[in-house]
Amino acid sequence: MVNDPGYERHLGRGVNKEKAKIERERLFKIIRDLVRWENTDNQEILDRARDEIRKSWRETCELNAGKPGFNPDRLPVFHDPFAGGGSLPLEAQRLGFETYATDLNPVPVVLNKAMLEIPPRFKDRPPVGPKEYAAKQARIEESWTGARGLSEDLRRYGNWVWKQAIERLATRYPKVALPRRLGGGHGIVLTWLWCRTVASPNPAAGGMHVPLAKSFQLASREGREVWIEPRVSKDKLSYEFVLKEDGPPKYSSTVGGRGGTCVLTDSPIALTYIRAEGVAGRMGQRLMAAVVETPNGKAYVAASEIDAPDFTDLVPTAPEAEILHWAGCTNVVVYGMKTFPSLFNLRQQLALTTFSSLVVEAREVIKLDAIKAGLPDDDIRFRDGGTGATAYAEAVSVYLSCAIGRAADYWNTLTSWESGGEFVAHAFTKHALPIVWDYGEINPLTDGGGSWSSALGWIARVIDLLPANAPGHAFQLDAAKGTVPTDDQTVVSTDPPYYDNVPYSNLSDFFYIWMRLCLRDVFPTVFATRQTPKEDELVASHSLYENIDDAMRHFTGGMTCTKANSCQG
């Protein structure tokens, strides 16, 4: 949006190359300052950039005087028709442009609403949540500028959700009796470490399920080497997991790219057999160890030292959604994990559905507090342009749903235990859903890494830095069938769609199923279940809307695309 200094030749002024070079370097300096993380909300640097943009725009309008769309008193409107995660629209808004972000996929549509629409609508407002909802590390602000009031309400109502979840889920995450070597008593489990299992194909094993673990290492830092080991019984028909801290480990792994090894008979297990067992629904899981909190800090206990969690009375609670297989990217499918719920164990499903239902319940709590804080009780929804208590409650719940998405990335069976740092790594370390043989199940009721409070903290820190300085709009729209805005003074800037490079739509459904649970009442058209309307239905609905474009926007919630299932269901 800033003209090259050499552009002046079009004004008939002539260009001094040395002066142009100096001027370019001055502009590059602004760019270098802009991209430094610590300058994200540095208003002095942002104002320098905005001034240069306005200067160049006036110059461009002078060059195109008399042509439609060149108004020197108003910057162009920015539109990204393939907005995705919203990097381009967000930076355009930060630089002062009124911004439109459109996408067909519901997940990025909501993310762009969270970044572009909500902060300008509710900027410079103090939080409405009571201070008793605040966490122990409550922030003290003299002036709640920008979106900081929103981020504080996310923290406060997120804390309310957490406390409610503890009451509902505490019996599912009980303390465990600690072994005598750790002083006895009881401790909180921070993480359960599981491995997948299949029945050994060797008849000598008697059909016993054997562990498929990529690694048995728990801690690998020098001076703190700890691992788990399967100890086989004398009759070689059973095994238990024990903790080891000295001597070389018997097994570094029992599964790899070519298959596995039976710990009972030391015989190979073909990868084709493992896949067939998974597809038949006969793959299981077994607890290997747990990370526990003790009076002396974090420690490890083997599965043989504690009682394993009992899932027998749990039932699936996650919304059903099929994984659209993309060879090489969603290889969980070839192991029988054909739906998104199958990526979560039953207790993880219960935790996520409980937290999601609390996000819905929180909206009424937020609304009542917002009314007490002086916001209008007008019942105008956020999607209808509301700025009162109802719209504010819906806006905060959008951010709570983002925290649900971040939590889901950690509360699933595709996470991995990082022995070097001794933490659980989230599932989406790359654009794929690969099979993970041993995973960490985080206790969502604690406040460690990957927990609910951790998710809230990350989302809140993002909100703190959102610009909230210019109007933003996000719509679900097919770029081939509609354009927004209709104004002729529009800058269209985009990264092209990924097509076959990244299965973006396939993978985003991992988050869609939880987002829809939280927000289907807030954005019913975005999370609609109906299919694309027929033309006569669209025409029949015209009377409900000011124009056909508005009618299209209403119905695009059910639009499908030829290669992806992001809008399915």
Protein backbone atom coordinates (compact mmCIF):
# COMPACT_ATOMS: atom_id res chain seq x y z
CA MET A 1 0.00 0.00 0.00
CA VAL A 2 3.03 2.29 -0.05
CA ASN A 3 4.35 3.46 -3.40
CA ASP A 4 7.98 3.00 -4.33
CA PRO A 5 9.83 6.37 -4.26
CA GLY A 6 10.69 5.88 -7.94
CA TYR A 7 6.96 6.10 -8.66
CA GLU A 8 7.26 9.91 -8.73
CA ARG A 9 8.30 9.78 -12.38
CA HIS A 10 4.63 9.30 -13.26
CA LEU A 11 3.99 12.73 -11.80
CA GLY A 12 6.47 14.23 -14.24
CA ARG A 13 8.85 15.25 -11.50
CA GLY A 14 11.83 13.13 -12.48
CA VAL A 15 13.56 10.82 -10.04
CA ASN A 16 16.95 11.12 -8.42
CA LYS A 17 18.07 7.50 -7.94
CA GLU A 18 20.23 8.29 -4.92
CA LYS A 19 17.41 10.15 -3.20
CA ALA A 20 15.00 7.32 -4.07
CA LYS A 21 17.41 4.81 -2.53
CA ILE A 22 17.60 6.85 0.69
CA GLU A 23 13.82 7.17 0.78
CA ARG A 24 13.38 3.42 0.26
CA GLU A 25 15.73 2.75 3.17
CA ARG A 26 13.61 5.03 5.37
CA LEU A 27 10.52 3.02 4.44
CA PHE A 28 12.34 -0.29 5.00
CA LYS A 29 13.22 0.95 8.48
CA ILE A 30 9.51 1.29 9.26
CA ILE A 31 8.95 -2.29 8.07
CA ARG A 32 11.85 -3.56 10.15
CA ASP A 33 10.38 -1.83 13.20
CA LEU A 34 6.87 -3.11 12.47
CA VAL A 35 7.82 -6.78 12.34
CA ARG A 36 9.51 -6.84 15.75
CA TRP A 37 7.27 -8.77 18.15
CA GLU A 38 7.66 -6.25 20.96
CA ASN A 39 6.27 -3.54 18.63
CA THR A 40 2.99 -5.37 17.97
CA ASP A 41 0.97 -2.61 19.65
CA ASN A 42 3.54 0.21 19.54
CA GLN A 43 1.30 3.07 18.47
CA GLU A 44 4.15 5.41 17.52
CA ILE A 45 5.51 2.94 14.97
CA LEU A 46 2.03 1.99 13.75
CA ASP A 47 1.21 5.68 13.26
CA ARG A 48 4.35 6.11 11.15
CA ALA A 49 3.21 3.25 8.91
CA ARG A 50 -0.36 4.58 8.73
CA ASP A 51 0.90 8.04 7.76
CA GLU A 52 2.94 6.57 4.88
CA ILE A 53 -0.08 4.58 3.66
CA ARG A 54 -2.30 7.68 3.67
CA LYS A 55 0.38 9.69 1.91
CA SER A 56 0.75 7.10 -0.86
CA TRP A 57 -3.01 6.75 -1.20
CA ARG A 58 -3.42 10.48 -1.74
CA GLU A 59 -0.67 10.34 -4.34
CA THR A 60 -2.37 7.42 -6.10
CA CYS A 61 -5.70 9.28 -6.11
CA GLU A 62 -3.96 12.29 -7.64
CA LEU A 63 -2.63 10.06 -10.43
CA ASN A 64 -6.14 8.66 -11.01
CA ALA A 65 -8.13 11.84 -10.51
CA GLY A 66 -11.64 11.62 -11.92
CA LYS A 67 -11.74 7.82 -11.96
CA PRO A 68 -14.29 6.00 -9.77
CA GLY A 69 -12.98 4.41 -6.58
CA PHE A 70 -10.20 6.90 -5.87
CA ASN A 71 -11.33 9.01 -2.92
CA PRO A 72 -8.30 10.63 -1.23
CA ASP A 73 -10.29 11.23 1.97
CA ARG A 74 -11.04 7.54 2.60
CA LEU A 75 -8.70 4.58 2.52
CA PRO A 76 -9.72 1.59 0.42
CA VAL A 77 -11.54 -1.29 2.06
CA PHE A 78 -9.42 -4.43 2.45
CA HIS A 79 -10.84 -7.84 1.48
CA ASP A 80 -9.26 -11.29 1.72
CA PRO A 81 -11.60 -13.83 0.05
CA PHE A 82 -9.58 -16.84 1.32
CA ALA A 83 -8.96 -15.48 4.81
CA GLY A 84 -8.11 -18.71 6.63
CA GLY A 85 -6.49 -17.93 9.97
CA GLY A 86 -6.74 -14.22 9.20
CA SER A 87 -3.12 -13.02 9.16
CA LEU A 88 -3.60 -10.62 6.25
CA PRO A 89 -6.92 -9.09 7.39
CA LEU A 90 -5.61 -8.70 10.94
CA GLU A 91 -2.50 -6.83 9.82
CA ALA A 92 -4.57 -4.69 7.45
CA GLN A 93 -6.84 -3.74 10.35
CA ARG A 94 -3.80 -3.00 12.50
CA LEU A 95 -2.67 -0.55 9.79
CA GLY A 96 -6.02 1.25 9.82
CA PHE A 97 -8.07 -0.39 7.06
CA GLU A 98 -11.69 -1.36 7.36
CA THR A 99 -11.36 -5.07 6.76
CA TYR A 100 -13.42 -7.91 5.32
CA ALA A 101 -12.42 -11.55 5.78
CA THR A 102 -14.39 -14.27 4.04
CA ASP A 103 -13.97 -18.02 3.93
CA LEU A 104 -16.15 -21.06 3.26
CA ASN A 105 -14.85 -22.99 6.26
CA PRO A 106 -16.75 -22.27 9.52
CA VAL A 107 -13.68 -22.51 11.77
CA PRO A 108 -11.68 -19.63 10.22
CA VAL A 109 -14.89 -17.60 9.91
CA VAL A 110 -15.32 -17.71 13.69
CA LEU A 111 -11.61 -17.05 14.30
CA ASN A 112 -11.80 -13.96 12.11
CA LYS A 113 -14.89 -12.76 13.95
CA ALA A 114 -12.92 -13.17 17.18
CA MET A 115 -10.00 -11.11 15.85
CA LEU A 116 -11.65 -8.56 13.57
CA GLU A 117 -15.29 -8.01 14.56
CA ILE A 118 -15.49 -8.35 18.33
CA PRO A 119 -12.65 -6.09 19.59
CA PRO A 120 -13.68 -2.89 17.70
CA ARG A 121 -17.29 -3.35 18.80
CA PHE A 122 -16.45 -3.63 22.51
CA LYS A 123 -13.17 -1.73 22.75
CA ASP A 124 -12.11 0.47 25.67
CA ARG A 125 -14.58 -1.15 28.09
CA PRO A 126 -13.82 -2.46 31.57
CA PRO A 127 -14.63 -6.10 32.31
CA VAL A 128 -18.13 -6.88 33.54
CA GLY A 129 -17.25 -10.05 35.44
CA PRO A 130 -17.16 -9.80 39.25
CA LYS A 131 -13.66 -9.67 40.70
CA GLU A 132 -14.30 -12.85 42.67
CA TYR A 133 -14.29 -14.70 39.33
CA ALA A 134 -10.73 -13.56 38.72
CA ALA A 135 -7.87 -16.00 39.16
CA LYS A 136 -5.27 -15.58 41.90
CA GLN A 137 -3.02 -13.61 39.54
CA ALA A 138 -5.72 -11.03 38.78
CA ARG A 139 -4.63 -8.06 36.71
CA ILE A 140 -5.05 -4.51 37.96
CA GLU A 141 -5.78 -2.04 35.18
CA GLU A 142 -6.35 1.65 35.57
CA SER A 143 -7.62 1.99 32.04
CA TRP A 144 -9.03 -0.92 30.05
CA THR A 145 -7.94 0.24 26.62
CA GLY A 146 -8.45 -1.67 23.38
CA ALA A 147 -9.55 -5.26 23.92
CA ARG A 148 -8.02 -5.67 27.40
CA GLY A 149 -11.42 -5.61 29.09
CA LEU A 150 -12.51 -8.48 26.85
CA SER A 151 -9.41 -10.50 27.66
CA GLU A 152 -9.93 -9.99 31.39
CA ASP A 153 -13.53 -11.18 31.10
CA LEU A 154 -12.27 -14.25 29.25
CA ARG A 155 -10.00 -14.93 32.22
CA ARG A 156 -12.76 -14.33 34.77
CA TYR A 157 -15.49 -16.35 33.10
CA GLY A 158 -12.98 -18.99 32.07
CA ASN A 159 -12.17 -19.32 35.76
CA TRP A 160 -15.91 -19.63 36.48
CA VAL A 161 -16.14 -22.42 33.90
CA TRP A 162 -13.14 -24.16 35.47
CA LYS A 163 -14.62 -24.10 38.97
CA GLN A 164 -17.94 -25.45 37.70
CA ALA A 165 -16.10 -28.20 35.80
CA ILE A 166 -14.22 -29.24 38.94
CA GLU A 167 -17.53 -29.78 40.73
CA ARG A 168 -18.87 -31.91 37.88
CA LEU A 169 -15.75 -33.88 37.00
CA ALA A 170 -13.84 -34.26 40.28
CA THR A 171 -14.94 -37.87 40.81
CA ARG A 172 -13.57 -38.74 37.37
CA TYR A 173 -10.11 -37.44 38.28
CA PRO A 174 -9.54 -38.76 41.82
CA LYS A 175 -6.31 -38.58 43.76
CA VAL A 176 -4.25 -41.78 43.84
CA ALA A 177 -2.54 -43.53 46.73
CA LEU A 178 1.19 -42.84 46.53
CA PRO A 179 3.68 -45.67 47.03
CA ARG A 180 5.75 -45.73 50.20
CA ARG A 181 8.88 -44.65 48.32
CA LEU A 182 7.15 -41.29 47.68
CA GLY A 183 6.07 -40.88 51.28
CA GLY A 184 2.64 -42.45 51.06
CA GLY A 185 -0.57 -40.45 51.30
CA HIS A 186 -2.41 -39.33 48.19
CA GLY A 187 -1.39 -37.24 45.21
CA ILE A 188 -3.02 -35.53 42.26
CA VAL A 189 -2.34 -37.12 38.89
CA LEU A 190 -1.14 -34.47 36.44
CA THR A 191 -0.85 -36.79 33.42
CA TRP A 192 -1.67 -40.41 32.68
CA LEU A 193 0.65 -42.08 30.15
CA TRP A 194 -1.04 -44.69 27.97
CA CYS A 195 0.05 -46.99 25.15
CA ARG A 196 -2.05 -48.72 22.52
CA THR A 197 -2.29 -52.51 22.54
CA VAL A 198 -3.27 -55.39 20.26
CA ALA A 199 -3.71 -59.08 20.96
CA SER A 200 -0.45 -60.88 20.21
CA PRO A 201 -0.77 -62.97 17.04
CA ASN A 202 1.56 -65.58 18.53
CA PRO A 203 -0.59 -68.42 19.97
CA ALA A 204 1.93 -68.87 22.79
CA ALA A 205 0.78 -65.51 24.22
CA GLY A 206 -2.74 -66.82 24.74
CA GLY A 207 -4.42 -63.83 23.08
CA MET A 208 -2.94 -61.38 25.60
CA HIS A 209 -2.92 -57.73 24.53
CA VAL A 210 0.66 -56.49 24.29
CA PRO A 211 1.94 -52.89 24.37
CA LEU A 212 2.67 -50.84 21.26
CA ALA A 213 4.89 -48.06 22.50
CA LYS A 214 7.18 -45.83 20.46
CA SER A 215 9.11 -44.94 23.59
CA PHE A 216 9.19 -46.00 27.23
CA GLN A 217 11.33 -43.02 28.27
CA LEU A 218 9.77 -40.76 30.90
CA ALA A 219 12.68 -38.41 31.61
CA SER A 220 15.86 -38.19 29.55
CA ARG A 221 17.78 -35.25 30.97
CA GLU A 222 21.26 -36.10 32.22
CA GLY A 223 21.10 -37.13 35.85
CA ARG A 224 17.33 -37.68 35.66
CA GLU A 225 16.92 -40.70 33.37
CA VAL A 226 13.67 -42.51 34.13
CA TRP A 227 11.81 -45.00 31.99
CA ILE A 228 9.04 -47.54 32.21
CA GLU A 229 9.54 -51.19 31.38
CA PRO A 230 7.16 -54.09 30.73
CA ARG A 231 8.12 -56.89 33.15
CA VAL A 232 6.99 -60.27 31.85
CA SER A 233 5.67 -62.94 34.23
CA LYS A 234 7.46 -66.27 34.57
CA ASP A 235 4.78 -68.11 32.58
CA LYS A 236 5.09 -65.45 29.84
CA LEU A 237 1.33 -64.97 29.70
CA SER A 238 1.14 -61.56 31.36
CA TYR A 239 3.20 -58.47 32.15
CA GLU A 240 3.17 -55.35 34.27
CA PHE A 241 4.82 -51.95 33.91
CA VAL A 242 7.56 -51.09 36.40
CA LEU A 243 9.69 -47.99 36.91
CA LYS A 244 13.42 -48.14 36.12
CA GLU A 245 16.16 -45.60 36.86
CA ASP A 246 19.34 -47.63 36.33
CA GLY A 247 20.78 -50.14 33.89
CA PRO A 248 20.06 -50.21 30.17
CA PRO A 249 16.36 -50.40 29.22
CA LYS A 250 15.24 -53.75 27.85
CA TYR A 251 13.04 -52.09 25.22
CA SER A 252 13.46 -48.71 23.59
CA SER A 253 10.35 -49.30 21.49
CA THR A 254 7.89 -52.07 20.63
CA VAL A 255 6.44 -50.59 17.45
CA GLY A 256 7.73 -48.77 14.38
CA GLY A 257 7.17 -48.20 10.71
CA ARG A 258 7.58 -51.89 9.88
CA GLY A 259 5.53 -53.40 12.68
CA GLY A 260 5.82 -54.33 16.33
CA THR A 261 7.29 -56.81 18.79
CA CYS A 262 5.43 -59.03 21.26
CA VAL A 263 6.99 -58.51 24.72
CA LEU A 264 5.73 -61.92 25.85
CA THR A 265 7.29 -64.00 23.10
CA ASP A 266 9.76 -61.57 21.46
CA SER A 267 8.11 -62.46 18.15
CA PRO A 268 7.39 -59.86 15.43
CA ILE A 269 3.95 -58.37 14.83
CA ALA A 270 3.29 -57.38 11.23
CA LEU A 271 2.11 -53.82 10.61
CA THR A 272 -0.67 -55.19 8.38
CA TYR A 273 -1.92 -57.22 11.36
CA ILE A 274 -1.88 -54.15 13.63
CA ARG A 275 -3.83 -52.13 11.08
CA ALA A 276 -6.34 -54.95 10.58
CA GLU A 277 -6.91 -55.18 14.34
CA GLY A 278 -7.46 -51.44 14.50
CA VAL A 279 -9.93 -51.44 11.61
CA ALA A 280 -11.80 -54.33 13.29
CA GLY A 281 -12.09 -52.23 16.46
CA ARG A 282 -9.90 -54.55 18.49
CA MET A 283 -7.07 -52.14 19.31
CA GLY A 284 -7.00 -51.30 23.02
CA GLN A 285 -5.00 -49.16 25.43
CA ARG A 286 -3.20 -49.76 28.71
CA LEU A 287 -1.88 -47.45 31.39
CA MET A 288 1.93 -47.42 31.57
CA ALA A 289 2.64 -44.75 34.19
CA ALA A 290 1.42 -41.53 35.73
CA VAL A 291 2.95 -38.17 36.55
CA VAL A 292 1.86 -37.24 40.07
CA GLU A 293 2.09 -34.23 42.31
CA THR A 294 3.74 -34.98 45.65
CA PRO A 295 4.77 -32.84 48.63
CA ASN A 296 8.28 -32.91 47.16
CA GLY A 297 7.26 -31.97 43.63
CA LYS A 298 6.47 -33.89 40.46
CA ALA A 299 7.25 -37.61 40.40
CA TYR A 300 6.55 -40.74 38.34
CA VAL A 301 4.69 -43.87 39.37
CA ALA A 302 4.35 -47.05 37.34
CA ALA A 303 0.95 -48.45 36.46
CA SER A 304 1.70 -51.40 38.74
CA GLU A 305 1.87 -49.00 41.72
CA ILE A 306 -1.55 -47.35 41.34
CA ASP A 307 -5.10 -48.17 40.32
CA ALA A 308 -5.80 -47.55 36.63
CA PRO A 309 -8.78 -45.28 35.77
CA ASP A 310 -12.02 -47.16 35.22
CA PHE A 311 -13.84 -46.17 32.02
CA THR A 312 -16.36 -49.04 32.04
CA ASP A 313 -19.36 -46.86 32.92
CA LEU A 314 -18.47 -44.07 30.48
CA VAL A 315 -20.21 -43.71 27.13
CA PRO A 316 -19.19 -41.72 24.04
CA THR A 317 -20.28 -38.08 24.32
CA ALA A 318 -18.38 -36.34 21.50
CA PRO A 319 -20.35 -35.23 18.42
CA GLU A 320 -20.09 -37.69 15.56
CA ALA A 321 -18.07 -36.58 12.54
CA GLU A 322 -16.29 -38.72 9.98
CA ILE A 323 -12.66 -38.07 9.07
CA LEU A 324 -12.35 -37.53 5.32
CA HIS A 325 -9.23 -39.56 4.64
CA TRP A 326 -6.31 -37.90 2.89
CA ALA A 327 -3.54 -40.43 2.28
CA GLY A 328 -0.33 -39.45 4.02
CA CYS A 329 -2.02 -36.81 6.17
CA THR A 330 -4.78 -38.60 8.08
CA ASN A 331 -3.22 -42.03 8.50
CA VAL A 332 -5.11 -42.60 11.76
CA VAL A 333 -7.91 -43.79 9.46
CA VAL A 334 -5.94 -46.85 8.30
CA TYR A 335 -5.73 -47.92 11.96
CA GLY A 336 -9.50 -47.83 12.36
CA MET A 337 -9.81 -44.31 13.78
CA LYS A 338 -12.31 -43.17 11.17
CA THR A 339 -14.19 -40.52 13.17
CA PHE A 340 -13.05 -37.50 15.13
CA PRO A 341 -14.54 -38.84 18.40
CA SER A 342 -12.26 -41.88 18.03
CA LEU A 343 -9.28 -39.52 18.55
CA PHE A 344 -10.39 -38.92 22.16
CA ASN A 345 -10.71 -41.49 24.93
CA LEU A 346 -14.02 -41.62 26.79
CA ARG A 347 -12.85 -39.50 29.72
CA GLN A 348 -11.44 -36.86 27.36
CA GLN A 349 -14.77 -36.79 25.53
CA LEU A 350 -16.58 -36.28 28.84
CA ALA A 351 -14.22 -33.46 29.83
CA LEU A 352 -14.58 -31.62 26.53
CA THR A 353 -18.38 -31.96 26.35
CA THR A 354 -18.63 -30.80 29.98
CA PHE A 355 -16.47 -27.73 29.38
CA SER A 356 -18.35 -27.01 26.12
CA SER A 357 -21.73 -27.15 27.86
CA LEU A 358 -20.40 -24.78 30.53
CA VAL A 359 -19.41 -22.29 27.81
CA VAL A 360 -23.06 -22.28 26.73
CA GLU A 361 -24.22 -21.87 30.34
CA ALA A 362 -21.74 -19.07 30.90
CA ARG A 363 -23.50 -16.87 28.35
CA GLU A 364 -26.48 -16.30 30.64
CA VAL A 365 -24.16 -15.58 33.59
CA ILE A 366 -22.20 -13.07 31.51
CA LYS A 367 -25.38 -11.42 30.25
CA LEU A 368 -26.73 -10.85 33.78
CA ASP A 369 -23.39 -9.42 34.93
CA ALA A 370 -23.22 -7.19 31.85
CA ILE A 371 -26.66 -5.78 32.65
CA LYS A 372 -25.51 -5.04 36.21
CA ALA A 373 -22.46 -3.31 34.73
CA GLY A 374 -24.70 -0.98 32.70
CA LEU A 375 -24.85 -2.58 29.24
CA PRO A 376 -28.31 -2.31 27.61
CA ASP A 377 -30.65 -5.25 28.15
CA ASP A 378 -31.84 -5.09 24.53
CA ASP A 379 -31.77 -8.79 23.52
CA ILE A 380 -30.04 -7.85 20.24
CA ARG A 381 -27.78 -10.68 19.15
CA PHE A 382 -24.15 -10.19 18.15
CA ARG A 383 -24.86 -11.41 14.61
CA ASP A 384 -27.50 -8.66 14.28
CA GLY A 385 -25.07 -5.90 15.19
CA GLY A 386 -25.84 -5.82 18.91
CA THR A 387 -23.63 -3.96 21.37
CA GLY A 388 -25.60 -4.64 24.55
CA ALA A 389 -25.53 -7.33 27.21
CA THR A 390 -26.73 -10.17 24.96
CA ALA A 391 -24.17 -9.46 22.25
CA TYR A 392 -21.38 -9.02 24.79
CA ALA A 393 -22.14 -12.37 26.42
CA GLU A 394 -22.03 -14.04 23.01
CA ALA A 395 -18.75 -12.30 22.20
CA VAL A 396 -17.03 -13.55 25.37
CA SER A 397 -18.35 -17.05 24.69
CA VAL A 398 -16.63 -16.97 21.28
CA TYR A 399 -13.30 -16.54 23.08
CA LEU A 400 -14.21 -19.30 25.54
CA SER A 401 -14.86 -21.59 22.57
CA CYS A 402 -11.38 -20.74 21.26
CA ALA A 403 -10.01 -21.94 24.59
CA ILE A 404 -12.01 -25.17 24.13
CA GLY A 405 -10.27 -25.62 20.77
CA ARG A 406 -6.83 -25.12 22.29
CA ALA A 407 -7.69 -27.55 25.09
CA ALA A 408 -8.88 -30.15 22.56
CA ASP A 409 -5.45 -29.97 20.91
CA TYR A 410 -4.01 -31.28 24.19
CA TRP A 411 -6.85 -33.48 25.47
CA ASN A 412 -6.74 -36.23 22.85
CA THR A 413 -4.97 -39.51 22.11
CA LEU A 414 -2.64 -38.06 19.47
CA THR A 415 -0.52 -36.12 21.93
CA SER A 416 2.96 -37.33 22.82
CA TRP A 417 5.12 -37.31 25.95
CA GLU A 418 8.32 -35.30 25.52
CA SER A 419 10.85 -36.89 27.83
CA GLY A 420 13.41 -34.11 27.35
CA GLY A 421 11.18 -31.39 28.77
CA GLU A 422 8.81 -33.79 30.59
CA PHE A 423 5.61 -32.37 29.18
CA VAL A 424 2.76 -33.33 26.84
CA ALA A 425 3.15 -32.06 23.27
CA HIS A 426 -0.08 -31.14 21.49
CA ALA A 427 -1.49 -33.10 18.56
CA PHE A 428 -1.08 -30.55 15.76
CA THR A 429 2.67 -30.24 15.60
CA LYS A 430 2.25 -30.46 11.81
CA HIS A 431 -0.57 -30.42 9.24
CA ALA A 432 -1.49 -34.06 9.73
CA LEU A 433 -3.14 -36.62 11.99
CA PRO A 434 -0.54 -39.41 12.27
CA ILE A 435 -0.98 -42.41 14.52
CA VAL A 436 0.57 -41.92 17.97
CA TRP A 437 1.27 -45.15 19.85
CA ASP A 438 1.79 -43.80 23.37
CA TYR A 439 0.13 -40.59 24.54
CA GLY A 440 -0.28 -38.39 27.58
CA GLU A 441 -3.73 -37.76 29.03
CA ILE A 442 -3.66 -34.40 30.83
CA ASN A 443 -5.75 -33.84 33.94
CA PRO A 444 -7.92 -30.85 32.85
CA LEU A 445 -8.68 -29.86 36.44
CA THR A 446 -5.09 -28.91 37.27
CA ASP A 447 -3.38 -25.69 36.22
CA GLY A 448 -0.27 -27.06 34.51
CA GLY A 449 0.77 -27.09 30.86
CA GLY A 450 -1.99 -28.09 28.46
CA SER A 451 -4.67 -27.46 31.10
CA TRP A 452 -7.76 -25.25 30.86
CA SER A 453 -6.06 -22.38 32.67
CA SER A 454 -3.12 -22.65 30.27
CA ALA A 455 -5.49 -22.46 27.28
CA LEU A 456 -7.18 -19.38 28.73
CA GLY A 457 -3.83 -17.69 29.26
CA TRP A 458 -2.75 -18.16 25.65
CA ILE A 459 -6.04 -16.87 24.21
CA ALA A 460 -6.14 -13.90 26.59
CA ARG A 461 -2.62 -12.82 25.64
CA VAL A 462 -3.65 -12.77 21.99
CA ILE A 463 -6.74 -10.65 22.73
CA ASP A 464 -4.58 -8.15 24.63
CA LEU A 465 -2.67 -7.41 21.41
CA LEU A 466 -5.60 -7.23 18.96
CA PRO A 467 -5.76 -3.77 17.36
CA ALA A 468 -9.49 -2.92 17.83
CA ASN A 469 -8.82 0.27 15.86
CA ALA A 470 -10.89 -0.08 12.68
CA PRO A 471 -14.12 -1.86 11.69
CA GLY A 472 -13.77 -5.54 10.80
CA HIS A 473 -16.19 -7.97 9.21
CA ALA A 474 -16.06 -11.75 8.77
CA PHE A 475 -18.52 -13.75 6.66
CA GLN A 476 -18.90 -17.32 5.55
CA LEU A 477 -18.87 -16.99 1.79
CA ASP A 478 -17.90 -18.91 -1.32
CA ALA A 479 -15.34 -16.71 -3.10
CA ALA A 480 -16.61 -17.95 -6.48
CA LYS A 481 -20.22 -16.95 -5.83
CA GLY A 482 -20.24 -13.74 -3.86
CA THR A 483 -18.20 -10.62 -3.18
CA VAL A 484 -18.02 -8.36 -0.17
CA PRO A 485 -17.96 -5.51 0.06
CA THR A 486 -19.71 -4.19 -3.06
CA ASP A 487 -17.85 -0.89 -2.79
CA ASP A 488 -15.66 -0.26 -5.85
CA GLN A 489 -12.86 1.15 -3.69
CA THR A 490 -11.58 -2.22 -2.53
CA VAL A 491 -8.16 -3.76 -2.20
CA VAL A 492 -8.21 -7.54 -2.65
CA SER A 493 -5.17 -9.24 -1.15
CA THR A 494 -4.86 -12.94 -0.42
CA ASP A 495 -2.75 -16.04 -0.21
CA PRO A 496 -4.13 -18.55 -2.74
CA PRO A 497 -6.01 -21.58 -1.35
CA TYR A 498 -3.78 -24.49 -0.35
CA TYR A 499 -5.54 -27.06 -2.58
CA ASP A 500 -3.62 -30.36 -2.37
CA ASN A 501 -0.71 -28.93 -0.37
CA VAL A 502 -2.44 -29.00 3.04
CA PRO A 503 -5.71 -30.81 3.87
CA TYR A 504 -6.88 -27.68 5.64
CA SER A 505 -10.61 -28.42 5.59
CA ASN A 506 -10.21 -32.08 6.60
CA LEU A 507 -8.11 -31.20 9.64
CA SER A 508 -10.17 -28.23 10.81
CA ASP A 509 -13.12 -30.52 11.52
CA PHE A 510 -11.12 -31.68 14.56
CA PHE A 511 -11.98 -28.26 16.07
CA TYR A 512 -15.30 -27.75 14.28
CA ILE A 513 -17.12 -30.44 16.28
CA TRP A 514 -16.33 -28.68 19.58
CA MET A 515 -16.81 -25.16 18.24
CA ARG A 516 -20.26 -26.09 16.99
CA LEU A 517 -21.24 -27.41 20.43
CA CYS A 518 -20.38 -24.02 21.92
CA LEU A 519 -21.57 -21.60 19.21
CA ARG A 520 -24.35 -23.13 17.10
CA ASP A 521 -26.87 -20.82 18.83
CA VAL A 522 -24.63 -17.77 18.38
CA PHE A 523 -23.93 -18.30 14.66
CA PRO A 524 -26.69 -20.66 13.46
CA THR A 525 -26.06 -20.08 9.76
CA VAL A 526 -22.32 -20.69 10.09
CA PHE A 527 -23.00 -23.98 11.89
CA ALA A 528 -26.13 -24.93 9.93
CA THR A 529 -26.84 -28.58 9.21
CA ARG A 530 -28.94 -28.07 6.07
CA GLN A 531 -27.53 -28.55 2.59
CA THR A 532 -27.12 -25.83 -0.01
CA PRO A 533 -30.58 -24.40 -0.78
CA LYS A 534 -32.20 -24.81 -4.14
CA GLU A 535 -32.59 -21.68 -6.24
CA ASP A 536 -36.35 -21.49 -5.64
CA GLU A 537 -35.80 -21.64 -1.88
CA LEU A 538 -33.31 -18.80 -2.17
CA VAL A 539 -35.72 -16.67 -4.16
CA ALA A 540 -38.56 -17.46 -1.76
CA SER A 541 -36.46 -16.19 1.12
CA HIS A 542 -35.67 -12.91 -0.64
CA SER A 543 -38.50 -11.10 1.09
CA LEU A 544 -36.81 -11.70 4.44
CA TYR A 545 -33.67 -9.82 3.42
CA GLU A 546 -32.80 -6.44 1.95
CA ASN A 547 -31.07 -7.97 -1.07
CA ILE A 548 -30.09 -11.27 -2.61
CA ASP A 549 -26.54 -11.00 -1.22
CA ASP A 550 -27.91 -10.97 2.33
CA ALA A 551 -30.03 -14.00 1.51
CA MET A 552 -26.94 -15.79 0.20
CA ARG A 553 -25.08 -15.00 3.40
CA HIS A 554 -27.93 -16.50 5.41
CA PHE A 555 -27.86 -19.77 3.53
CA THR A 556 -24.13 -20.28 3.01
CA GLY A 557 -23.90 -21.93 6.42
CA GLY A 558 -24.91 -25.17 4.71
CA MET A 559 -22.81 -24.80 1.59
CA THR A 560 -20.72 -27.80 0.67
CA CYS A 561 -17.61 -28.05 -1.45
CA THR A 562 -16.48 -30.75 -3.84
CA LYS A 563 -13.37 -32.02 -2.05
CA ALA A 564 -13.78 -31.25 1.60
CA ASN A 565 -16.24 -31.92 4.38
CA SER A 566 -15.72 -28.80 6.46
CA CYS A 567 -19.39 -27.85 6.20
CA GLN A 568 -20.79 -31.36 6.38
CA GLY A 569 -23.19 -31.73 9.30
